[in-house]
Structures are given as structure tokens and as C-alpha cells.
PDB file of N, CA and C in Angstrom:
ATOM      1  N   MET A   1      -2.887  15.260   3.852  1.00  0.00           N
ATOM      2  CA  MET A   1      -3.033  15.037   2.430  1.00  0.00           C
ATOM      3  C   MET A   1      -4.098  13.963   2.219  1.00  0.00           C
ATOM      4  N   THR A   2      -5.003  14.211   1.308  1.00  0.00           N
ATOM      5  CA  THR A   2      -6.011  13.212   0.984  1.00  0.00           C
ATOM      6  C   THR A   2      -5.440  12.216  -0.021  1.00  0.00           C
ATOM      7  N   ILE A   3      -6.149  11.132  -0.221  1.00  0.00           N
ATOM      8  CA  ILE A   3      -5.716  10.157  -1.222  1.00  0.00           C
ATOM      9  C   ILE A   3      -5.718  10.800  -2.609  1.00  0.00           C
ATOM     10  N   ARG A   4      -6.736  11.566  -2.894  1.00  0.00           N
ATOM     11  CA  ARG A   4      -6.821  12.244  -4.205  1.00  0.00           C
ATOM     12  C   ARG A   4      -5.633  13.184  -4.398  1.00  0.00           C
ATOM     13  N   GLU A   5      -5.294  13.941  -3.362  1.00  0.00           N
ATOM     14  CA  GLU A   5      -4.142  14.838  -3.447  1.00  0.00           C
ATOM     15  C   GLU A   5      -2.847  14.049  -3.637  1.00  0.00           C
ATOM     16  N   ALA A   6      -2.750  12.910  -2.967  1.00  0.00           N
ATOM     17  CA  ALA A   6      -1.562  12.068  -3.122  1.00  0.00           C
ATOM     18  C   ALA A   6      -1.440  11.582  -4.565  1.00  0.00           C
ATOM     19  N   GLN A   7      -2.561  11.169  -5.153  1.00  0.00           N
ATOM     20  CA  GLN A   7      -2.530  10.740  -6.550  1.00  0.00           C
ATOM     21  C   GLN A   7      -2.062  11.885  -7.453  1.00  0.00           C
ATOM     22  N   GLN A   8      -2.544  13.081  -7.178  1.00  0.00           N
ATOM     23  CA  GLN A   8      -2.158  14.239  -7.988  1.00  0.00           C
ATOM     24  C   GLN A   8      -0.678  14.571  -7.801  1.00  0.00           C
ATOM     25  N   GLN A   9      -0.197  14.503  -6.571  1.00  0.00           N
ATOM     26  CA  GLN A   9       1.217  14.808  -6.322  1.00  0.00           C
ATOM     27  C   GLN A   9       2.136  13.789  -6.975  1.00  0.00           C
ATOM     28  N   VAL A  10       1.767  12.519  -6.902  1.00  0.00           N
ATOM     29  CA  VAL A  10       2.561  11.485  -7.558  1.00  0.00           C
ATOM     30  C   VAL A  10       2.576  11.732  -9.067  1.00  0.00           C
ATOM     31  N   ASP A  11       1.425  12.052  -9.627  1.00  0.00           N
ATOM     32  CA  ASP A  11       1.358  12.317 -11.065  1.00  0.00           C
ATOM     33  C   ASP A  11       2.248  13.507 -11.437  1.00  0.00           C
ATOM     34  N   GLY A  12       2.210  14.553 -10.636  1.00  0.00           N
ATOM     35  CA  GLY A  12       3.055  15.709 -10.893  1.00  0.00           C
ATOM     36  C   GLY A  12       4.532  15.358 -10.836  1.00  0.00           C
ATOM     37  N   TRP A  13       4.918  14.537  -9.871  1.00  0.00           N
ATOM     38  CA  TRP A  13       6.319  14.137  -9.745  1.00  0.00           C
ATOM     39  C   TRP A  13       6.734  13.281 -10.937  1.00  0.00           C
ATOM     40  N   ILE A  14       5.895  12.305 -11.273  1.00  0.00           N
ATOM     41  CA  ILE A  14       6.220  11.398 -12.379  1.00  0.00           C
ATOM     42  C   ILE A  14       6.384  12.172 -13.685  1.00  0.00           C
ATOM     43  N   THR A  15       5.481  13.098 -13.951  1.00  0.00           N
ATOM     44  CA  THR A  15       5.511  13.792 -15.245  1.00  0.00           C
ATOM     45  C   THR A  15       6.563  14.889 -15.319  1.00  0.00           C
ATOM     46  N   THR A  16       7.183  15.244 -14.202  1.00  0.00           N
ATOM     47  CA  THR A  16       8.241  16.257 -14.243  1.00  0.00           C
ATOM     48  C   THR A  16       9.601  15.651 -13.936  1.00  0.00           C
ATOM     49  N   ILE A  17       9.749  15.057 -12.791  1.00  0.00           N
ATOM     50  CA  ILE A  17      11.040  14.508 -12.360  1.00  0.00           C
ATOM     51  C   ILE A  17      11.226  13.081 -12.872  1.00  0.00           C
ATOM     52  N   GLY A  18      10.174  12.300 -12.831  1.00  0.00           N
ATOM     53  CA  GLY A  18      10.270  10.889 -13.221  1.00  0.00           C
ATOM     54  C   GLY A  18      10.203  10.650 -14.715  1.00  0.00           C
ATOM     55  N   VAL A  19       9.949  11.657 -15.498  1.00  0.00           N
ATOM     56  CA  VAL A  19       9.857  11.635 -16.957  1.00  0.00           C
ATOM     57  C   VAL A  19       8.559  11.003 -17.443  1.00  0.00           C
ATOM     58  N   ARG A  20       8.295   9.748 -17.066  1.00  0.00           N
ATOM     59  CA  ARG A  20       7.051   9.074 -17.455  1.00  0.00           C
ATOM     60  C   ARG A  20       6.812   7.897 -16.521  1.00  0.00           C
ATOM     61  N   TYR A  21       5.588   7.375 -16.579  1.00  0.00           N
ATOM     62  CA  TYR A  21       5.266   6.184 -15.794  1.00  0.00           C
ATOM     63  C   TYR A  21       5.937   4.965 -16.429  1.00  0.00           C
ATOM     64  N   PHE A  22       6.388   4.037 -15.586  1.00  0.00           N
ATOM     65  CA  PHE A  22       6.739   2.712 -16.098  1.00  0.00           C
ATOM     66  C   PHE A  22       5.437   2.076 -16.567  1.00  0.00           C
ATOM     67  N   ASN A  23       5.514   1.086 -17.440  1.00  0.00           N
ATOM     68  CA  ASN A  23       4.260   0.462 -17.877  1.00  0.00           C
ATOM     69  C   ASN A  23       3.624  -0.324 -16.727  1.00  0.00           C
ATOM     70  N   GLU A  24       2.381  -0.699 -16.920  1.00  0.00           N
ATOM     71  CA  GLU A  24       1.596  -1.334 -15.857  1.00  0.00           C
ATOM     72  C   GLU A  24       2.221  -2.635 -15.364  1.00  0.00           C
ATOM     73  N   LEU A  25       2.747  -3.416 -16.285  1.00  0.00           N
ATOM     74  CA  LEU A  25       3.350  -4.690 -15.890  1.00  0.00           C
ATOM     75  C   LEU A  25       4.615  -4.460 -15.061  1.00  0.00           C
ATOM     76  N   THR A  26       5.428  -3.496 -15.467  1.00  0.00           N
ATOM     77  CA  THR A  26       6.623  -3.161 -14.687  1.00  0.00           C
ATOM     78  C   THR A  26       6.220  -2.685 -13.299  1.00  0.00           C
ATOM     79  N   ASN A  27       5.205  -1.824 -13.216  1.00  0.00           N
ATOM     80  CA  ASN A  27       4.762  -1.338 -11.908  1.00  0.00           C
ATOM     81  C   ASN A  27       4.185  -2.457 -11.053  1.00  0.00           C
ATOM     82  N   MET A  28       3.537  -3.436 -11.675  1.00  0.00           N
ATOM     83  CA  MET A  28       3.033  -4.572 -10.898  1.00  0.00           C
ATOM     84  C   MET A  28       4.201  -5.351 -10.302  1.00  0.00           C
ATOM     85  N   ALA A  29       5.251  -5.536 -11.071  1.00  0.00           N
ATOM     86  CA  ALA A  29       6.442  -6.225 -10.564  1.00  0.00           C
ATOM     87  C   ALA A  29       7.100  -5.420  -9.444  1.00  0.00           C
ATOM     88  N   ILE A  30       7.167  -4.106  -9.620  1.00  0.00           N
ATOM     89  CA  ILE A  30       7.760  -3.250  -8.584  1.00  0.00           C
ATOM     90  C   ILE A  30       6.914  -3.296  -7.316  1.00  0.00           C
ATOM     91  N   LEU A  31       5.587  -3.280  -7.467  1.00  0.00           N
ATOM     92  CA  LEU A  31       4.703  -3.369  -6.296  1.00  0.00           C
ATOM     93  C   LEU A  31       4.955  -4.669  -5.541  1.00  0.00           C
ATOM     94  N   THR A  32       5.078  -5.751  -6.264  1.00  0.00           N
ATOM     95  CA  THR A  32       5.349  -7.048  -5.638  1.00  0.00           C
ATOM     96  C   THR A  32       6.682  -7.020  -4.894  1.00  0.00           C
ATOM     97  N   GLU A  33       7.683  -6.423  -5.503  1.00  0.00           N
ATOM     98  CA  GLU A  33       8.995  -6.291  -4.869  1.00  0.00           C
ATOM     99  C   GLU A  33       8.899  -5.469  -3.578  1.00  0.00           C
ATOM    100  N   GLU A  34       8.178  -4.352  -3.640  1.00  0.00           N
ATOM    101  CA  GLU A  34       8.061  -3.488  -2.458  1.00  0.00           C
ATOM    102  C   GLU A  34       7.296  -4.178  -1.335  1.00  0.00           C
ATOM    103  N   VAL A  35       6.262  -4.941  -1.671  1.00  0.00           N
ATOM    104  CA  VAL A  35       5.530  -5.694  -0.645  1.00  0.00           C
ATOM    105  C   VAL A  35       6.452  -6.733  -0.013  1.00  0.00           C
ATOM    106  N   GLY A  36       7.317  -7.343  -0.815  1.00  0.00           N
ATOM    107  CA  GLY A  36       8.294  -8.292  -0.280  1.00  0.00           C
ATOM    108  C   GLY A  36       9.258  -7.630   0.691  1.00  0.00           C
ATOM    109  N   GLU A  37       9.696  -6.417   0.354  1.00  0.00           N
ATOM    110  CA  GLU A  37      10.602  -5.693   1.251  1.00  0.00           C
ATOM    111  C   GLU A  37       9.894  -5.328   2.555  1.00  0.00           C
ATOM    112  N   LEU A  38       8.629  -4.930   2.458  1.00  0.00           N
ATOM    113  CA  LEU A  38       7.841  -4.653   3.665  1.00  0.00           C
ATOM    114  C   LEU A  38       7.711  -5.922   4.508  1.00  0.00           C
ATOM    115  N   SER A  39       7.448  -7.023   3.849  1.00  0.00           N
ATOM    116  CA  SER A  39       7.304  -8.301   4.537  1.00  0.00           C
ATOM    117  C   SER A  39       8.583  -8.678   5.288  1.00  0.00           C
ATOM    118  N   ARG A  40       9.744  -8.428   4.665  1.00  0.00           N
ATOM    119  CA  ARG A  40      11.017  -8.730   5.311  1.00  0.00           C
ATOM    120  C   ARG A  40      11.163  -7.945   6.618  1.00  0.00           C
ATOM    121  N   HIS A  41      10.798  -6.671   6.586  1.00  0.00           N
ATOM    122  CA  HIS A  41      10.917  -5.851   7.799  1.00  0.00           C
ATOM    123  C   HIS A  41       9.904  -6.258   8.866  1.00  0.00           C
ATOM    124  N   ILE A  42       8.703  -6.613   8.451  1.00  0.00           N
ATOM    125  CA  ILE A  42       7.688  -7.082   9.409  1.00  0.00           C
ATOM    126  C   ILE A  42       8.177  -8.373  10.070  1.00  0.00           C
ATOM    127  N   ALA A  43       8.767  -9.272   9.277  1.00  0.00           N
ATOM    128  CA  ALA A  43       9.278 -10.541   9.826  1.00  0.00           C
ATOM    129  C   ALA A  43      10.389 -10.294  10.835  1.00  0.00           C
ATOM    130  N   ARG A  44      11.201  -9.288  10.578  1.00  0.00           N
ATOM    131  CA  ARG A  44      12.306  -9.015  11.490  1.00  0.00           C
ATOM    132  C   ARG A  44      11.845  -8.253  12.740  1.00  0.00           C
ATOM    133  N   GLN A  45      10.885  -7.393  12.571  1.00  0.00           N
ATOM    134  CA  GLN A  45      10.414  -6.596  13.704  1.00  0.00           C
ATOM    135  C   GLN A  45       9.478  -7.395  14.616  1.00  0.00           C
ATOM    136  N   TYR A  46       8.577  -8.175  14.017  1.00  0.00           N
ATOM    137  CA  TYR A  46       7.542  -8.855  14.810  1.00  0.00           C
ATOM    138  C   TYR A  46       7.669 -10.372  14.800  1.00  0.00           C
ATOM    139  N   GLY A  47       8.464 -10.900  13.905  1.00  0.00           N
ATOM    140  CA  GLY A  47       8.644 -12.347  13.806  1.00  0.00           C
ATOM    141  C   GLY A  47       9.914 -12.791  14.495  1.00  0.00           C
ATOM    142  N   GLU A  48      10.403 -13.927  14.090  1.00  0.00           N
ATOM    143  CA  GLU A  48      11.539 -14.546  14.761  1.00  0.00           C
ATOM    144  C   GLU A  48      12.876 -14.251  14.100  1.00  0.00           C
ATOM    145  N   GLN A  49      12.861 -13.596  12.933  1.00  0.00           N
ATOM    146  CA  GLN A  49      14.129 -13.248  12.288  1.00  0.00           C
ATOM    147  C   GLN A  49      14.710 -12.001  12.935  1.00  0.00           C
ATOM    148  N   SER A  50      16.013 -11.811  12.773  1.00  0.00           N
ATOM    149  CA  SER A  50      16.654 -10.626  13.336  1.00  0.00           C
ATOM    150  C   SER A  50      17.192  -9.752  12.208  1.00  0.00           C
ATOM    151  N   TYR A  51      17.377  -8.479  12.532  1.00  0.00           N
ATOM    152  CA  TYR A  51      17.949  -7.541  11.568  1.00  0.00           C
ATOM    153  C   TYR A  51      19.421  -7.818  11.401  1.00  0.00           C
ATOM    154  N   ARG A  52      19.957  -7.411  10.261  1.00  0.00           N
ATOM    155  CA  ARG A  52      21.374  -7.608  10.006  1.00  0.00           C
ATOM    156  C   ARG A  52      22.007  -6.335   9.453  1.00  0.00           C
ATOM    157  N   GLY A  53      21.892  -5.252  10.187  1.00  0.00           N
ATOM    158  CA  GLY A  53      22.595  -4.034   9.851  1.00  0.00           C
ATOM    159  C   GLY A  53      21.836  -3.013   9.026  1.00  0.00           C
ATOM    160  N   GLU A  54      20.739  -3.408   8.377  1.00  0.00           N
ATOM    161  CA  GLU A  54      20.010  -2.447   7.560  1.00  0.00           C
ATOM    162  C   GLU A  54      19.135  -1.539   8.416  1.00  0.00           C
ATOM    163  N   LEU A  55      18.523  -0.542   7.768  1.00  0.00           N
ATOM    164  CA  LEU A  55      17.530   0.302   8.428  1.00  0.00           C
ATOM    165  C   LEU A  55      16.546  -0.629   9.110  1.00  0.00           C
ATOM    166  N   LYS A  56      16.156  -0.315  10.348  1.00  0.00           N
ATOM    167  CA  LYS A  56      15.322  -1.271  11.065  1.00  0.00           C
ATOM    168  C   LYS A  56      14.170  -0.611  11.797  1.00  0.00           C
ATOM    169  N   GLY A  57      13.276  -1.456  12.253  1.00  0.00           N
ATOM    170  CA  GLY A  57      12.167  -1.040  13.090  1.00  0.00           C
ATOM    171  C   GLY A  57      11.100  -0.239  12.365  1.00  0.00           C
ATOM    172  N   LYS A  58      10.445   0.604  13.151  1.00  0.00           N
ATOM    173  CA  LYS A  58       9.311   1.375  12.654  1.00  0.00           C
ATOM    174  C   LYS A  58       9.709   2.258  11.468  1.00  0.00           C
ATOM    175  N   GLU A  59      10.905   2.819  11.507  1.00  0.00           N
ATOM    176  CA  GLU A  59      11.361   3.689  10.423  1.00  0.00           C
ATOM    177  C   GLU A  59      11.433   2.915   9.097  1.00  0.00           C
ATOM    178  N   ALA A  60      11.966   1.715   9.134  1.00  0.00           N
ATOM    179  CA  ALA A  60      12.066   0.885   7.928  1.00  0.00           C
ATOM    180  C   ALA A  60      10.685   0.459   7.449  1.00  0.00           C
ATOM    181  N   ILE A  61       9.822   0.081   8.374  1.00  0.00           N
ATOM    182  CA  ILE A  61       8.468  -0.347   8.019  1.00  0.00           C
ATOM    183  C   ILE A  61       7.702   0.813   7.381  1.00  0.00           C
ATOM    184  N   ALA A  62       7.803   2.000   7.972  1.00  0.00           N
ATOM    185  CA  ALA A  62       7.128   3.176   7.413  1.00  0.00           C
ATOM    186  C   ALA A  62       7.631   3.487   6.010  1.00  0.00           C
ATOM    187  N   ASP A  63       8.944   3.398   5.814  1.00  0.00           N
ATOM    188  CA  ASP A  63       9.531   3.669   4.505  1.00  0.00           C
ATOM    189  C   ASP A  63       9.026   2.677   3.463  1.00  0.00           C
ATOM    190  N   GLU A  64       8.967   1.415   3.814  1.00  0.00           N
ATOM    191  CA  GLU A  64       8.488   0.395   2.871  1.00  0.00           C
ATOM    192  C   GLU A  64       7.001   0.544   2.600  1.00  0.00           C
ATOM    193  N   MET A  65       6.213   0.891   3.624  1.00  0.00           N
ATOM    194  CA  MET A  65       4.786   1.130   3.396  1.00  0.00           C
ATOM    195  C   MET A  65       4.581   2.298   2.439  1.00  0.00           C
ATOM    196  N   ALA A  66       5.389   3.331   2.596  1.00  0.00           N
ATOM    197  CA  ALA A  66       5.305   4.479   1.690  1.00  0.00           C
ATOM    198  C   ALA A  66       5.683   4.076   0.266  1.00  0.00           C
ATOM    199  N   ASP A  67       6.675   3.205   0.116  1.00  0.00           N
ATOM    200  CA  ASP A  67       7.035   2.712  -1.211  1.00  0.00           C
ATOM    201  C   ASP A  67       5.885   1.940  -1.846  1.00  0.00           C
ATOM    202  N   VAL A  68       5.228   1.086  -1.061  1.00  0.00           N
ATOM    203  CA  VAL A  68       4.074   0.324  -1.554  1.00  0.00           C
ATOM    204  C   VAL A  68       2.970   1.288  -1.990  1.00  0.00           C
ATOM    205  N   LEU A  69       2.685   2.272  -1.156  1.00  0.00           N
ATOM    206  CA  LEU A  69       1.640   3.245  -1.468  1.00  0.00           C
ATOM    207  C   LEU A  69       1.991   4.030  -2.731  1.00  0.00           C
ATOM    208  N   TRP A  70       3.246   4.433  -2.859  1.00  0.00           N
ATOM    209  CA  TRP A  70       3.701   5.185  -4.034  1.00  0.00           C
ATOM    210  C   TRP A  70       3.388   4.423  -5.328  1.00  0.00           C
ATOM    211  N   VAL A  71       3.790   3.152  -5.364  1.00  0.00           N
ATOM    212  CA  VAL A  71       3.586   2.368  -6.582  1.00  0.00           C
ATOM    213  C   VAL A  71       2.100   2.137  -6.818  1.00  0.00           C
ATOM    214  N   LEU A  72       1.340   1.920  -5.765  1.00  0.00           N
ATOM    215  CA  LEU A  72      -0.101   1.745  -5.906  1.00  0.00           C
ATOM    216  C   LEU A  72      -0.748   3.016  -6.472  1.00  0.00           C
ATOM    217  N   LEU A  73      -0.297   4.177  -6.005  1.00  0.00           N
ATOM    218  CA  LEU A  73      -0.801   5.443  -6.536  1.00  0.00           C
ATOM    219  C   LEU A  73      -0.433   5.595  -8.012  1.00  0.00           C
ATOM    220  N   CYS A  74       0.774   5.207  -8.365  1.00  0.00           N
ATOM    221  CA  CYS A  74       1.177   5.229  -9.779  1.00  0.00           C
ATOM    222  C   CYS A  74       0.251   4.357 -10.621  1.00  0.00           C
ATOM    223  N   MET A  75       0.010   3.154 -10.160  1.00  0.00           N
ATOM    224  CA  MET A  75      -0.836   2.224 -10.909  1.00  0.00           C
ATOM    225  C   MET A  75      -2.265   2.747 -11.025  1.00  0.00           C
ATOM    226  N   ALA A  76      -2.764   3.363  -9.971  1.00  0.00           N
ATOM    227  CA  ALA A  76      -4.107   3.943 -10.025  1.00  0.00           C
ATOM    228  C   ALA A  76      -4.154   5.054 -11.072  1.00  0.00           C
ATOM    229  N   ASN A  77      -3.156   5.915 -11.055  1.00  0.00           N
ATOM    230  CA  ASN A  77      -3.116   7.011 -12.026  1.00  0.00           C
ATOM    231  C   ASN A  77      -3.086   6.494 -13.452  1.00  0.00           C
ATOM    232  N   GLN A  78      -2.234   5.541 -13.727  1.00  0.00           N
ATOM    233  CA  GLN A  78      -2.063   5.110 -15.105  1.00  0.00           C
ATOM    234  C   GLN A  78      -3.197   4.230 -15.604  1.00  0.00           C
ATOM    235  N   THR A  79      -4.008   3.690 -14.692  1.00  0.00           N
ATOM    236  CA  THR A  79      -5.150   2.877 -15.109  1.00  0.00           C
ATOM    237  C   THR A  79      -6.477   3.624 -14.964  1.00  0.00           C
ATOM    238  N   GLY A  80      -6.392   4.891 -14.551  1.00  0.00           N
ATOM    239  CA  GLY A  80      -7.596   5.709 -14.449  1.00  0.00           C
ATOM    240  C   GLY A  80      -8.477   5.404 -13.252  1.00  0.00           C
ATOM    241  N   VAL A  81      -7.900   4.881 -12.186  1.00  0.00           N
ATOM    242  CA  VAL A  81      -8.667   4.560 -10.974  1.00  0.00           C
ATOM    243  C   VAL A  81      -8.563   5.725  -9.999  1.00  0.00           C
ATOM    244  N   ASP A  82      -9.721   6.209  -9.553  1.00  0.00           N
ATOM    245  CA  ASP A  82      -9.782   7.206  -8.486  1.00  0.00           C
ATOM    246  C   ASP A  82      -9.819   6.423  -7.177  1.00  0.00           C
ATOM    247  N   LEU A  83      -8.702   6.389  -6.463  1.00  0.00           N
ATOM    248  CA  LEU A  83      -8.620   5.568  -5.258  1.00  0.00           C
ATOM    249  C   LEU A  83      -9.543   6.044  -4.139  1.00  0.00           C
ATOM    250  N   THR A  84      -9.844   7.335  -4.103  1.00  0.00           N
ATOM    251  CA  THR A  84     -10.792   7.825  -3.098  1.00  0.00           C
ATOM    252  C   THR A  84     -12.150   7.184  -3.327  1.00  0.00           C
ATOM    253  N   GLU A  85     -12.603   7.229  -4.559  1.00  0.00           N
ATOM    254  CA  GLU A  85     -13.889   6.630  -4.920  1.00  0.00           C
ATOM    255  C   GLU A  85     -13.857   5.114  -4.717  1.00  0.00           C
ATOM    256  N   ALA A  86     -12.778   4.480  -5.118  1.00  0.00           N
ATOM    257  CA  ALA A  86     -12.655   3.029  -4.971  1.00  0.00           C
ATOM    258  C   ALA A  86     -12.685   2.617  -3.497  1.00  0.00           C
ATOM    259  N   LEU A  87     -12.015   3.380  -2.636  1.00  0.00           N
ATOM    260  CA  LEU A  87     -12.000   3.061  -1.209  1.00  0.00           C
ATOM    261  C   LEU A  87     -13.376   3.264  -0.583  1.00  0.00           C
ATOM    262  N   GLU A  88     -14.067   4.326  -0.992  1.00  0.00           N
ATOM    263  CA  GLU A  88     -15.420   4.551  -0.480  1.00  0.00           C
ATOM    264  C   GLU A  88     -16.340   3.391  -0.851  1.00  0.00           C
ATOM    265  N   LYS A  89     -16.257   2.925  -2.090  1.00  0.00           N
ATOM    266  CA  LYS A  89     -17.068   1.785  -2.530  1.00  0.00           C
ATOM    267  C   LYS A  89     -16.672   0.518  -1.782  1.00  0.00           C
ATOM    268  N   ASN A  90     -15.387   0.378  -1.482  1.00  0.00           N
ATOM    269  CA  ASN A  90     -14.914  -0.791  -0.769  1.00  0.00           C
ATOM    270  C   ASN A  90     -15.448  -0.822   0.660  1.00  0.00           C
ATOM    271  N   PHE A  91     -15.507   0.357   1.302  1.00  0.00           N
ATOM    272  CA  PHE A  91     -16.113   0.439   2.635  1.00  0.00           C
ATOM    273  C   PHE A  91     -17.573   0.003   2.589  1.00  0.00           C
ATOM    274  N   GLU A  92     -18.305   0.459   1.577  1.00  0.00           N
ATOM    275  CA  GLU A  92     -19.711   0.067   1.430  1.00  0.00           C
ATOM    276  C   GLU A  92     -19.828  -1.443   1.266  1.00  0.00           C
ATOM    277  N   LYS A  93     -18.983  -2.015   0.420  1.00  0.00           N
ATOM    278  CA  LYS A  93     -19.009  -3.457   0.187  1.00  0.00           C
ATOM    279  C   LYS A  93     -18.724  -4.213   1.478  1.00  0.00           C
ATOM    280  N   LYS A  94     -17.685  -3.819   2.184  1.00  0.00           N
ATOM    281  CA  LYS A  94     -17.314  -4.523   3.414  1.00  0.00           C
ATOM    282  C   LYS A  94     -18.367  -4.359   4.503  1.00  0.00           C
ATOM    283  N   SER A  95     -18.953  -3.175   4.594  1.00  0.00           N
ATOM    284  CA  SER A  95     -19.981  -2.946   5.614  1.00  0.00           C
ATOM    285  C   SER A  95     -21.204  -3.795   5.348  1.00  0.00           C
ATOM    286  N   GLY A  96     -21.585  -3.917   4.089  1.00  0.00           N
ATOM    287  CA  GLY A  96     -22.731  -4.751   3.750  1.00  0.00           C
ATOM    288  C   GLY A  96     -22.451  -6.227   3.950  1.00  0.00           C
ATOM    289  N   ARG A  97     -21.279  -6.649   3.540  1.00  0.00           N
ATOM    290  CA  ARG A  97     -20.918  -8.066   3.599  1.00  0.00           C
ATOM    291  C   ARG A  97     -20.534  -8.503   5.003  1.00  0.00           C
ATOM    292  N   ASP A  98     -19.824  -7.646   5.720  1.00  0.00           N
ATOM    293  CA  ASP A  98     -19.245  -8.049   6.997  1.00  0.00           C
ATOM    294  C   ASP A  98     -19.840  -7.299   8.187  1.00  0.00           C
ATOM    295  N   GLY A  99     -20.957  -6.593   7.979  1.00  0.00           N
ATOM    296  CA  GLY A  99     -21.531  -5.756   9.021  1.00  0.00           C
ATOM    297  C   GLY A  99     -21.733  -6.448  10.355  1.00  0.00           C
ATOM    298  N   GLU A 100     -22.124  -7.707  10.327  1.00  0.00           N
ATOM    299  CA  GLU A 100     -22.359  -8.439  11.576  1.00  0.00           C
ATOM    300  C   GLU A 100     -21.487  -9.685  11.686  1.00  0.00           C
ATOM    301  N   ARG A 101     -20.750  -9.963  10.665  1.00  0.00           N
ATOM    302  CA  ARG A 101     -19.977 -11.205  10.585  1.00  0.00           C
ATOM    303  C   ARG A 101     -18.962 -11.355  11.715  1.00  0.00           C
ATOM    304  N   HIS A 102     -18.278 -10.296  12.081  1.00  0.00           N
ATOM    305  CA  HIS A 102     -17.190 -10.416  13.051  1.00  0.00           C
ATOM    306  C   HIS A 102     -17.658 -10.390  14.500  1.00  0.00           C
ATOM    307  N   GLU A 103     -18.861  -9.860  14.735  1.00  0.00           N
ATOM    308  CA  GLU A 103     -19.377  -9.783  16.107  1.00  0.00           C
ATOM    309  C   GLU A 103     -19.463 -11.159  16.767  1.00  0.00           C
ATOM    310  N   GLY A 104     -19.926 -12.142  16.010  1.00  0.00           N
ATOM    311  CA  GLY A 104     -20.120 -13.470  16.574  1.00  0.00           C
ATOM    312  C   GLY A 104     -18.928 -14.389  16.444  1.00  0.00           C
ATOM    313  N   ASN A 105     -17.819 -13.876  15.966  1.00  0.00           N
ATOM    314  CA  ASN A 105     -16.636 -14.712  15.761  1.00  0.00           C
ATOM    315  C   ASN A 105     -15.889 -14.885  17.086  1.00  0.00           C
ATOM    316  N   THR A 106     -15.988 -16.076  17.657  1.00  0.00           N
ATOM    317  CA  THR A 106     -15.342 -16.325  18.949  1.00  0.00           C
ATOM    318  C   THR A 106     -13.821 -16.262  18.858  1.00  0.00           C
ATOM    319  N   LYS A 107     -13.270 -16.420  17.653  1.00  0.00           N
ATOM    320  CA  LYS A 107     -11.821 -16.338  17.474  1.00  0.00           C
ATOM    321  C   LYS A 107     -11.308 -14.928  17.692  1.00  0.00           C
ATOM    322  N   LEU A 108     -12.199 -13.950  17.589  1.00  0.00           N
ATOM    323  CA  LEU A 108     -11.805 -12.552  17.763  1.00  0.00           C
ATOM    324  C   LEU A 108     -12.037 -12.041  19.177  1.00  0.00           C
ATOM    325  N   SER A 109     -12.677 -12.832  20.004  1.00  0.00           N
ATOM    326  CA  SER A 109     -12.929 -12.418  21.391  1.00  0.00           C
ATOM    327  C   SER A 109     -11.659 -12.547  22.210  1.00  0.00           C
ATOM    328  N   SER A 110     -11.477 -11.605  23.124  1.00  0.00           N
ATOM    329  CA  SER A 110     -10.279 -11.725  23.958  1.00  0.00           C
ATOM    330  C   SER A 110     -10.579 -12.346  25.281  1.00  0.00           C
TER     331      SER A 110
END
């Protein structure tokens, strides 16, 4: 599935099963919440905290990443952002800005 197709599928789901989009501010709050949930699982999987009975590991991380992506796709749809186009422009920006920046970074050498 492409990013564009994902945006279309989310829109189809929202307008049929979900009834309507939450407003932008509500979706921003939900996105923040979902990133927090992803962060909790990353801390437990790769950090020093331990799990306490909930869904764990890669399965939990994948589920939370999908939740983050879902809300981001919703926000893109409702604000008229084509994420495929935005990502392509972002690659251009990063390539121009960072094209040689990381090569000489001794902190990245192994």
C-alpha cells in the first residue's frame, strides 16, 4: 500500500464507519497520546523499564506505530496535505541540507 492509498483508505473508513473526522485539535491531542503510548513500549522494550502484563514487545510497538500513522493520516486528510508529496519534498530538503553533513561526523563512526 502506498502512502496515498493509505490516506484514501483512512478517509473511506472515517466517512463510512467512523462517521466523521474529529476536529484538528482533538486529533492533535490523540496523536500526542499515541506517541506517548509508543514511547512507553519503546522504554520497556529497549530501556530499563519492564513490562507489567500488557501487550509487549515488537507486536505492541507495531500496533502503537500503526496508531500514530493512522492519526497522522487523518490529520493530513483533514488539512489537505498530500503526504506522498510532502515526504518527497522532505527528502529533497534533507538531501540538500544534510547531503554531506553526516559523513564527517565522528560521533556516527563505529
